């Protein structure tokens, strides 16, 4: 098994370039370190760049299970599947440190409200020196049908206030991956805010639960292999998930 630390140890620390989008902070950054159980045939230690996986949502029982909190649900599912305890509060977020395979990851659920999510993401990424390409943001997406997922290497905020806040605290950068979870559009003339804070119907809940399982596998694939043909096939399959002939 891998041993994961938030300290600097010789010969076991991950090294990678500082993110050019981050301005200089007033604290000393920390490198996530992993003692890999595997080495190449020449005995050279394998070093990994960590991932920061952040789910967007609102804290508190009032918002549990609502459409706007599916990002939180994905983090909870990853926490369960990868046996990563969310047991630390840091930068206004509930944080857990662990790994997927040999790759170190941080799971985070910002505990400020949705519109202030960036107050957690920016400082966490800077503190642990996570590059933009390894910040995976998970959030609800009304432009996708309920339960349909999409993985993107970058993008805008699409009028999602949580994503907008994150971009603002990453100095305006948009080149970070996203896992979007479809929640569909409000029916008729229903108010958008009321729709986002509504819980799922039984059928919708089944679709979301299935999507969360698929999302865990997609996150694993991305962390271990990056954006390769598997992700392309995943997105194509999601596009036609509920397509009726």
C-alpha atoms as a PDB file:
ATOM      1  CA  UNK A   1       0.000   0.000   0.000  1.00  0.00           C
ATOM      2  CA  UNK A   2       0.991   3.656  -0.404  1.00  0.00           C
ATOM      3  CA  UNK A   3       1.758   5.856   2.560  1.00  0.00           C
ATOM      4  CA  UNK A   4       0.583   9.406   2.064  1.00  0.00           C
ATOM      5  CA  UNK A   5       1.906  12.427   3.926  1.00  0.00           C
ATOM      6  CA  UNK A   6       1.565  16.185   3.948  1.00  0.00           C
ATOM      7  CA  UNK A   7       5.207  16.657   4.882  1.00  0.00           C
ATOM      8  CA  UNK A   8       8.454  16.971   2.975  1.00  0.00           C
ATOM      9  CA  UNK A   9      10.636  13.875   3.065  1.00  0.00           C
ATOM     10  CA  UNK A  10      13.804  13.376   1.005  1.00  0.00           C
ATOM     11  CA  UNK A  11      13.507  11.196  -2.120  1.00  0.00           C
ATOM     12  CA  UNK A  12       9.772  10.590  -1.708  1.00  0.00           C
ATOM     13  CA  UNK A  13       8.261  13.993  -2.449  1.00  0.00           C
ATOM     14  CA  UNK A  14       6.358  14.835  -5.578  1.00  0.00           C
ATOM     15  CA  UNK A  15       7.925  17.605  -7.595  1.00  0.00           C
ATOM     16  CA  UNK A  16       6.221  19.576 -10.352  1.00  0.00           C
ATOM     17  CA  UNK A  17       6.221  23.168 -11.630  1.00  0.00           C
ATOM     18  CA  UNK A  18       4.397  25.843  -9.654  1.00  0.00           C
ATOM     19  CA  UNK A  19       1.110  26.866 -11.270  1.00  0.00           C
ATOM     20  CA  UNK A  20       1.756  30.087 -13.227  1.00  0.00           C
ATOM     21  CA  UNK A  21      -1.834  31.228 -12.635  1.00  0.00           C
ATOM     22  CA  UNK A  22      -1.427  31.470  -8.857  1.00  0.00           C
ATOM     23  CA  UNK A  23      -0.136  34.683  -7.379  1.00  0.00           C
ATOM     24  CA  UNK A  24       2.380  34.508  -4.546  1.00  0.00           C
ATOM     25  CA  UNK A  25       0.706  33.544  -1.254  1.00  0.00           C
ATOM     26  CA  UNK A  26       1.676  34.492   2.274  1.00  0.00           C
ATOM     27  CA  UNK A  27       2.308  30.948   3.448  1.00  0.00           C
ATOM     28  CA  UNK A  28       4.824  28.239   2.741  1.00  0.00           C
ATOM     29  CA  UNK A  29       3.416  25.604   0.342  1.00  0.00           C
ATOM     30  CA  UNK A  30       3.444  21.934   1.274  1.00  0.00           C
ATOM     31  CA  UNK A  31       4.130  19.050  -1.076  1.00  0.00           C
ATOM     32  CA  UNK A  32       2.030  15.918  -0.832  1.00  0.00           C
ATOM     33  CA  UNK A  33       4.365  12.955  -0.589  1.00  0.00           C
ATOM     34  CA  UNK A  34       3.881   9.310  -1.405  1.00  0.00           C
ATOM     35  CA  UNK A  35       6.082   6.317  -0.684  1.00  0.00           C
ATOM     36  CA  UNK A  36       5.190   4.127  -3.638  1.00  0.00           C
ATOM     37  CA  UNK A  37       5.079   0.377  -3.201  1.00  0.00           C
ATOM     38  CA  UNK A  38       6.296  -0.047  -6.780  1.00  0.00           C
ATOM     39  CA  UNK A  39       9.530   1.017  -8.448  1.00  0.00           C
ATOM     40  CA  UNK A  40      10.809   0.672 -11.982  1.00  0.00           C
ATOM     41  CA  UNK A  41      13.238  -2.191 -12.846  1.00  0.00           C
ATOM     42  CA  UNK A  42      16.203   0.095 -12.167  1.00  0.00           C
ATOM     43  CA  UNK A  43      15.044   0.725  -8.602  1.00  0.00           C
ATOM     44  CA  UNK A  44      14.146   4.373  -9.218  1.00  0.00           C
ATOM     45  CA  UNK A  45      11.300   5.636  -7.071  1.00  0.00           C
ATOM     46  CA  UNK A  46       8.147   6.562  -8.965  1.00  0.00           C
ATOM     47  CA  UNK A  47       6.930  10.107  -8.263  1.00  0.00           C
ATOM     48  CA  UNK A  48       3.357  11.240  -8.771  1.00  0.00           C
ATOM     49  CA  UNK A  49       1.624  14.569  -9.203  1.00  0.00           C
ATOM     50  CA  UNK A  50      -1.300  14.762  -6.748  1.00  0.00           C
ATOM     51  CA  UNK A  51      -4.903  15.551  -7.633  1.00  0.00           C
ATOM     52  CA  UNK A  52      -7.322  17.850  -5.845  1.00  0.00           C
ATOM     53  CA  UNK A  53     -10.903  16.640  -6.387  1.00  0.00           C
ATOM     54  CA  UNK A  54     -13.501  19.169  -5.230  1.00  0.00           C
ATOM     55  CA  UNK A  55     -17.257  18.710  -5.117  1.00  0.00           C
ATOM     56  CA  UNK A  56     -19.470  21.798  -5.065  1.00  0.00           C
ATOM     57  CA  UNK A  57     -22.505  22.091  -2.828  1.00  0.00           C
ATOM     58  CA  UNK A  58     -24.043  23.818   0.178  1.00  0.00           C
ATOM     59  CA  UNK A  59     -23.278  22.656   3.737  1.00  0.00           C
ATOM     60  CA  UNK A  60     -25.983  21.615   6.190  1.00  0.00           C
ATOM     61  CA  UNK A  61     -28.812  19.062   6.381  1.00  0.00           C
ATOM     62  CA  UNK A  62     -31.191  21.502   4.704  1.00  0.00           C
ATOM     63  CA  UNK A  63     -29.397  21.003   1.386  1.00  0.00           C
ATOM     64  CA  UNK A  64     -28.608  17.303   1.661  1.00  0.00           C
ATOM     65  CA  UNK A  65     -29.851  15.359  -1.371  1.00  0.00           C
ATOM     66  CA  UNK A  66     -30.778  18.435  -3.417  1.00  0.00           C
ATOM     67  CA  UNK A  67     -29.885  18.891  -7.074  1.00  0.00           C
ATOM     68  CA  UNK A  68     -27.323  21.591  -6.319  1.00  0.00           C
ATOM     69  CA  UNK A  69     -25.415  19.223  -4.004  1.00  0.00           C
ATOM     70  CA  UNK A  70     -24.567  16.347  -6.342  1.00  0.00           C
ATOM     71  CA  UNK A  71     -20.933  17.516  -6.284  1.00  0.00           C
ATOM     72  CA  UNK A  72     -20.858  16.808  -2.551  1.00  0.00           C
ATOM     73  CA  UNK A  73     -22.432  13.402  -3.194  1.00  0.00           C
ATOM     74  CA  UNK A  74     -19.679  12.461  -5.643  1.00  0.00           C
ATOM     75  CA  UNK A  75     -17.013  13.318  -3.073  1.00  0.00           C
ATOM     76  CA  UNK A  76     -18.844  11.224  -0.476  1.00  0.00           C
ATOM     77  CA  UNK A  77     -18.980   8.300  -2.918  1.00  0.00           C
ATOM     78  CA  UNK A  78     -15.267   8.607  -3.742  1.00  0.00           C
ATOM     79  CA  UNK A  79     -14.512   8.822  -0.036  1.00  0.00           C
ATOM     80  CA  UNK A  80     -16.409   5.595   0.557  1.00  0.00           C
ATOM     81  CA  UNK A  81     -15.052   3.675  -2.435  1.00  0.00           C
ATOM     82  CA  UNK A  82     -11.419   4.687  -1.898  1.00  0.00           C
ATOM     83  CA  UNK A  83     -11.555   4.513   1.938  1.00  0.00           C
ATOM     84  CA  UNK A  84     -10.523   8.146   2.337  1.00  0.00           C
ATOM     85  CA  UNK A  85     -11.767   9.751   5.549  1.00  0.00           C
ATOM     86  CA  UNK A  86     -13.040  13.310   5.259  1.00  0.00           C
ATOM     87  CA  UNK A  87     -11.834  14.270   8.704  1.00  0.00           C
ATOM     88  CA  UNK A  88      -9.993  17.588   8.456  1.00  0.00           C
ATOM     89  CA  UNK A  89     -11.150  21.195   8.128  1.00  0.00           C
ATOM     90  CA  UNK A  90      -8.747  23.292   6.082  1.00  0.00           C
ATOM     91  CA  UNK A  91      -9.290  26.470   4.064  1.00  0.00           C
ATOM     92  CA  UNK A  92     -13.016  26.436   4.886  1.00  0.00           C
ATOM     93  CA  UNK A  93     -13.361  22.909   3.472  1.00  0.00           C
ATOM     94  CA  UNK A  94     -13.872  19.380   4.733  1.00  0.00           C
ATOM     95  CA  UNK A  95     -10.798  17.557   3.444  1.00  0.00           C
ATOM     96  CA  UNK A  96      -9.553  13.982   3.182  1.00  0.00           C
ATOM     97  CA  UNK A  97      -6.117  12.799   2.014  1.00  0.00           C
ATOM     98  CA  UNK A  98      -5.592   9.414   0.393  1.00  0.00           C
ATOM     99  CA  UNK A  99      -4.803   7.866  -2.965  1.00  0.00           C
ATOM    100  CA  UNK A 100      -6.263   6.261  -6.058  1.00  0.00           C
ATOM    101  CA  UNK A 101      -3.884   3.458  -6.895  1.00  0.00           C
ATOM    102  CA  UNK A 102      -0.458   4.989  -6.279  1.00  0.00           C
ATOM    103  CA  UNK A 103      -1.582   8.541  -7.062  1.00  0.00           C
ATOM    104  CA  UNK A 104      -2.102  10.843  -4.044  1.00  0.00           C
ATOM    105  CA  UNK A 105      -5.377  12.765  -3.969  1.00  0.00           C
ATOM    106  CA  UNK A 106      -7.136  15.299  -1.800  1.00  0.00           C
ATOM    107  CA  UNK A 107     -10.933  15.186  -1.598  1.00  0.00           C
ATOM    108  CA  UNK A 108     -12.605  18.436  -0.609  1.00  0.00           C
ATOM    109  CA  UNK A 109     -16.100  19.718   0.143  1.00  0.00           C
ATOM    110  CA  UNK A 110     -16.082  23.530   0.599  1.00  0.00           C
ATOM    111  CA  UNK A 111     -18.043  24.482   3.718  1.00  0.00           C
ATOM    112  CA  UNK A 112     -18.713  28.063   2.672  1.00  0.00           C
ATOM    113  CA  UNK A 113     -21.875  28.324   0.603  1.00  0.00           C
ATOM    114  CA  UNK A 114     -21.831  27.526  -3.115  1.00  0.00           C
ATOM    115  CA  UNK A 115     -21.160  31.075  -4.274  1.00  0.00           C
ATOM    116  CA  UNK A 116     -17.965  31.217  -2.177  1.00  0.00           C
ATOM    117  CA  UNK A 117     -16.509  27.805  -3.115  1.00  0.00           C
ATOM    118  CA  UNK A 118     -13.381  29.386  -4.541  1.00  0.00           C
ATOM    119  CA  UNK A 119     -12.364  30.527  -1.066  1.00  0.00           C
ATOM    120  CA  UNK A 120     -11.493  26.874  -0.425  1.00  0.00           C
ATOM    121  CA  UNK A 121     -10.247  25.706  -3.826  1.00  0.00           C
ATOM    122  CA  UNK A 122      -7.726  28.470  -4.487  1.00  0.00           C
ATOM    123  CA  UNK A 123      -5.920  28.233  -1.133  1.00  0.00           C
ATOM    124  CA  UNK A 124      -5.908  24.406  -1.122  1.00  0.00           C
ATOM    125  CA  UNK A 125      -4.437  24.237  -4.621  1.00  0.00           C
ATOM    126  CA  UNK A 126      -1.793  26.823  -3.756  1.00  0.00           C
ATOM    127  CA  UNK A 127      -0.923  25.281  -0.379  1.00  0.00           C
ATOM    128  CA  UNK A 128      -0.405  21.778  -1.782  1.00  0.00           C
ATOM    129  CA  UNK A 129       1.024  23.082  -5.087  1.00  0.00           C
ATOM    130  CA  UNK A 130      -1.522  21.207  -7.181  1.00  0.00           C
ATOM    131  CA  UNK A 131      -1.256  22.274 -10.842  1.00  0.00           C
ATOM    132  CA  UNK A 132      -4.396  23.409 -12.676  1.00  0.00           C
ATOM    133  CA  UNK A 133      -4.491  20.301 -14.850  1.00  0.00           C
ATOM    134  CA  UNK A 134      -4.931  18.203 -11.682  1.00  0.00           C
ATOM    135  CA  UNK A 135      -7.798  20.135 -10.085  1.00  0.00           C
ATOM    136  CA  UNK A 136     -10.975  18.176 -10.834  1.00  0.00           C
ATOM    137  CA  UNK A 137     -14.122  20.180 -10.085  1.00  0.00           C
ATOM    138  CA  UNK A 138     -17.363  18.197  -9.708  1.00  0.00           C
ATOM    139  CA  UNK A 139     -20.696  20.019  -9.955  1.00  0.00           C
ATOM    140  CA  UNK A 140     -24.303  19.979 -11.168  1.00  0.00           C
ATOM    141  CA  UNK A 141     -25.090  20.933 -14.758  1.00  0.00           C
ATOM    142  CA  UNK A 142     -28.580  21.925 -15.948  1.00  0.00           C
ATOM    143  CA  UNK A 143     -27.628  21.735 -19.637  1.00  0.00           C
ATOM    144  CA  UNK A 144     -27.260  17.932 -19.314  1.00  0.00           C
ATOM    145  CA  UNK A 145     -30.168  15.485 -18.844  1.00  0.00           C
ATOM    146  CA  UNK A 146     -30.571  14.117 -15.340  1.00  0.00           C
ATOM    147  CA  UNK A 147     -27.933  11.480 -14.565  1.00  0.00           C
ATOM    148  CA  UNK A 148     -25.782  12.162 -17.645  1.00  0.00           C
ATOM    149  CA  UNK A 149     -22.085  12.879 -16.980  1.00  0.00           C
ATOM    150  CA  UNK A 150     -19.467  14.783 -18.922  1.00  0.00           C
ATOM    151  CA  UNK A 151     -15.702  15.047 -18.334  1.00  0.00           C
ATOM    152  CA  UNK A 152     -13.961  18.103 -19.777  1.00  0.00           C
ATOM    153  CA  UNK A 153     -10.316  19.211 -19.607  1.00  0.00           C
ATOM    154  CA  UNK A 154     -11.336  22.889 -19.294  1.00  0.00           C
ATOM    155  CA  UNK A 155     -14.189  25.321 -19.847  1.00  0.00           C
ATOM    156  CA  UNK A 156     -15.998  28.444 -18.683  1.00  0.00           C
ATOM    157  CA  UNK A 157     -18.311  28.831 -15.725  1.00  0.00           C
ATOM    158  CA  UNK A 158     -21.555  28.530 -17.721  1.00  0.00           C
ATOM    159  CA  UNK A 159     -23.308  30.889 -15.268  1.00  0.00           C
ATOM    160  CA  UNK A 160     -22.711  28.410 -12.432  1.00  0.00           C
ATOM    161  CA  UNK A 161     -21.904  30.625  -9.453  1.00  0.00           C
ATOM    162  CA  UNK A 162     -19.820  27.962  -7.714  1.00  0.00           C
ATOM    163  CA  UNK A 163     -17.625  27.447 -10.774  1.00  0.00           C
ATOM    164  CA  UNK A 164     -17.421  31.214 -11.256  1.00  0.00           C
ATOM    165  CA  UNK A 165     -16.151  31.602  -7.692  1.00  0.00           C
ATOM    166  CA  UNK A 166     -13.532  28.889  -8.208  1.00  0.00           C
ATOM    167  CA  UNK A 167     -12.265  30.514 -11.391  1.00  0.00           C
ATOM    168  CA  UNK A 168     -12.090  33.836  -9.603  1.00  0.00           C
ATOM    169  CA  UNK A 169      -9.878  32.356  -6.890  1.00  0.00           C
ATOM    170  CA  UNK A 170      -7.659  30.657  -9.486  1.00  0.00           C
ATOM    171  CA  UNK A 171      -6.785  34.088 -10.832  1.00  0.00           C
ATOM    172  CA  UNK A 172      -9.297  33.762 -13.669  1.00  0.00           C
ATOM    173  CA  UNK A 173      -7.795  30.560 -15.079  1.00  0.00           C
ATOM    174  CA  UNK A 174     -10.211  28.117 -16.704  1.00  0.00           C
ATOM    175  CA  UNK A 175      -7.820  25.336 -17.738  1.00  0.00           C
ATOM    176  CA  UNK A 176      -8.790  22.804 -15.067  1.00  0.00           C
ATOM    177  CA  UNK A 177     -10.805  19.564 -15.520  1.00  0.00           C
ATOM    178  CA  UNK A 178     -14.505  19.279 -14.676  1.00  0.00           C
ATOM    179  CA  UNK A 179     -16.858  16.398 -14.060  1.00  0.00           C
ATOM    180  CA  UNK A 180     -20.339  17.726 -14.769  1.00  0.00           C
ATOM    181  CA  UNK A 181     -23.374  15.844 -13.416  1.00  0.00           C
ATOM    182  CA  UNK A 182     -26.593  16.455 -15.326  1.00  0.00           C
ATOM    183  CA  UNK A 183     -29.647  17.491 -13.331  1.00  0.00           C
ATOM    184  CA  UNK A 184     -31.877  18.641 -16.204  1.00  0.00           C
ATOM    185  CA  UNK A 185     -33.781  21.893 -16.623  1.00  0.00           C
ATOM    186  CA  UNK A 186     -36.613  23.287 -14.469  1.00  0.00           C
ATOM    187  CA  UNK A 187     -40.009  22.238 -15.806  1.00  0.00           C
ATOM    188  CA  UNK A 188     -42.292  24.910 -17.234  1.00  0.00           C
ATOM    189  CA  UNK A 189     -41.928  28.251 -15.515  1.00  0.00           C
ATOM    190  CA  UNK A 190     -40.466  26.878 -12.281  1.00  0.00           C
ATOM    191  CA  UNK A 191     -37.980  29.211 -10.607  1.00  0.00           C
ATOM    192  CA  UNK A 192     -34.401  28.083 -11.204  1.00  0.00           C
ATOM    193  CA  UNK A 193     -33.299  28.565  -7.587  1.00  0.00           C
ATOM    194  CA  UNK A 194     -36.259  26.562  -6.320  1.00  0.00           C
ATOM    195  CA  UNK A 195     -35.404  23.795  -8.792  1.00  0.00           C
ATOM    196  CA  UNK A 196     -31.759  23.638  -7.710  1.00  0.00           C
ATOM    197  CA  UNK A 197     -32.732  23.309  -4.051  1.00  0.00           C
ATOM    198  CA  UNK A 198     -35.354  20.637  -4.770  1.00  0.00           C
ATOM    199  CA  UNK A 199     -34.756  16.959  -4.080  1.00  0.00           C
ATOM    200  CA  UNK A 200     -34.891  14.324  -6.812  1.00  0.00           C
ATOM    201  CA  UNK A 201     -37.948  12.243  -7.660  1.00  0.00           C
ATOM    202  CA  UNK A 202     -37.565   8.460  -7.099  1.00  0.00           C
ATOM    203  CA  UNK A 203     -36.788   7.872 -10.798  1.00  0.00           C
ATOM    204  CA  UNK A 204     -34.350  10.768 -10.917  1.00  0.00           C
ATOM    205  CA  UNK A 205     -32.711   9.500  -7.726  1.00  0.00           C
ATOM    206  CA  UNK A 206     -32.049   6.123  -9.345  1.00  0.00           C
ATOM    207  CA  UNK A 207     -30.456   7.850 -12.323  1.00  0.00           C
ATOM    208  CA  UNK A 208     -28.254   9.991 -10.077  1.00  0.00           C
ATOM    209  CA  UNK A 209     -27.157   6.995  -7.996  1.00  0.00           C
ATOM    210  CA  UNK A 210     -26.146   5.164 -11.184  1.00  0.00           C
ATOM    211  CA  UNK A 211     -24.335   8.283 -12.386  1.00  0.00           C
ATOM    212  CA  UNK A 212     -22.368   8.507  -9.130  1.00  0.00           C
ATOM    213  CA  UNK A 213     -21.127   4.939  -9.578  1.00  0.00           C
ATOM    214  CA  UNK A 214     -20.054   5.724 -13.130  1.00  0.00           C
ATOM    215  CA  UNK A 215     -18.506   8.983 -11.951  1.00  0.00           C
ATOM    216  CA  UNK A 216     -16.251   7.143  -9.512  1.00  0.00           C
ATOM    217  CA  UNK A 217     -14.920   4.985 -12.338  1.00  0.00           C
ATOM    218  CA  UNK A 218     -14.477   8.033 -14.564  1.00  0.00           C
ATOM    219  CA  UNK A 219     -12.534   9.850 -11.850  1.00  0.00           C
ATOM    220  CA  UNK A 220     -10.313   6.816 -11.326  1.00  0.00           C
ATOM    221  CA  UNK A 221      -9.614   6.611 -15.056  1.00  0.00           C
ATOM    222  CA  UNK A 222      -8.779  10.300 -15.251  1.00  0.00           C
ATOM    223  CA  UNK A 223      -6.465  10.251 -12.226  1.00  0.00           C
ATOM    224  CA  UNK A 224      -4.598   7.157 -13.390  1.00  0.00           C
ATOM    225  CA  UNK A 225      -4.502   7.779 -17.149  1.00  0.00           C
ATOM    226  CA  UNK A 226      -5.405  11.388 -17.906  1.00  0.00           C
ATOM    227  CA  UNK A 227      -7.610  12.449 -20.800  1.00  0.00           C
ATOM    228  CA  UNK A 228      -7.181   9.500 -23.137  1.00  0.00           C
ATOM    229  CA  UNK A 229      -9.405   7.503 -25.479  1.00  0.00           C
ATOM    230  CA  UNK A 230     -11.185   5.933 -22.504  1.00  0.00           C
ATOM    231  CA  UNK A 231     -12.500   9.351 -21.467  1.00  0.00           C
ATOM    232  CA  UNK A 232     -13.591  10.080 -25.037  1.00  0.00           C
ATOM    233  CA  UNK A 233     -15.538   6.808 -25.126  1.00  0.00           C
ATOM    234  CA  UNK A 234     -16.982   7.563 -21.699  1.00  0.00           C
ATOM    235  CA  UNK A 235     -18.324  10.935 -22.843  1.00  0.00           C
ATOM    236  CA  UNK A 236     -19.766   9.437 -26.027  1.00  0.00           C
ATOM    237  CA  UNK A 237     -21.524   6.706 -24.064  1.00  0.00           C
ATOM    238  CA  UNK A 238     -22.948   9.274 -21.649  1.00  0.00           C
ATOM    239  CA  UNK A 239     -24.217  11.403 -24.507  1.00  0.00           C
ATOM    240  CA  UNK A 240     -26.461   8.597 -25.714  1.00  0.00           C
ATOM    241  CA  UNK A 241     -27.183   7.076 -22.295  1.00  0.00           C
ATOM    242  CA  UNK A 242     -30.912   7.780 -22.390  1.00  0.00           C
ATOM    243  CA  UNK A 243     -31.248   8.087 -26.152  1.00  0.00           C
ATOM    244  CA  UNK A 244     -34.412   6.436 -27.405  1.00  0.00           C
ATOM    245  CA  UNK A 245     -34.479   4.920 -30.868  1.00  0.00           C
END
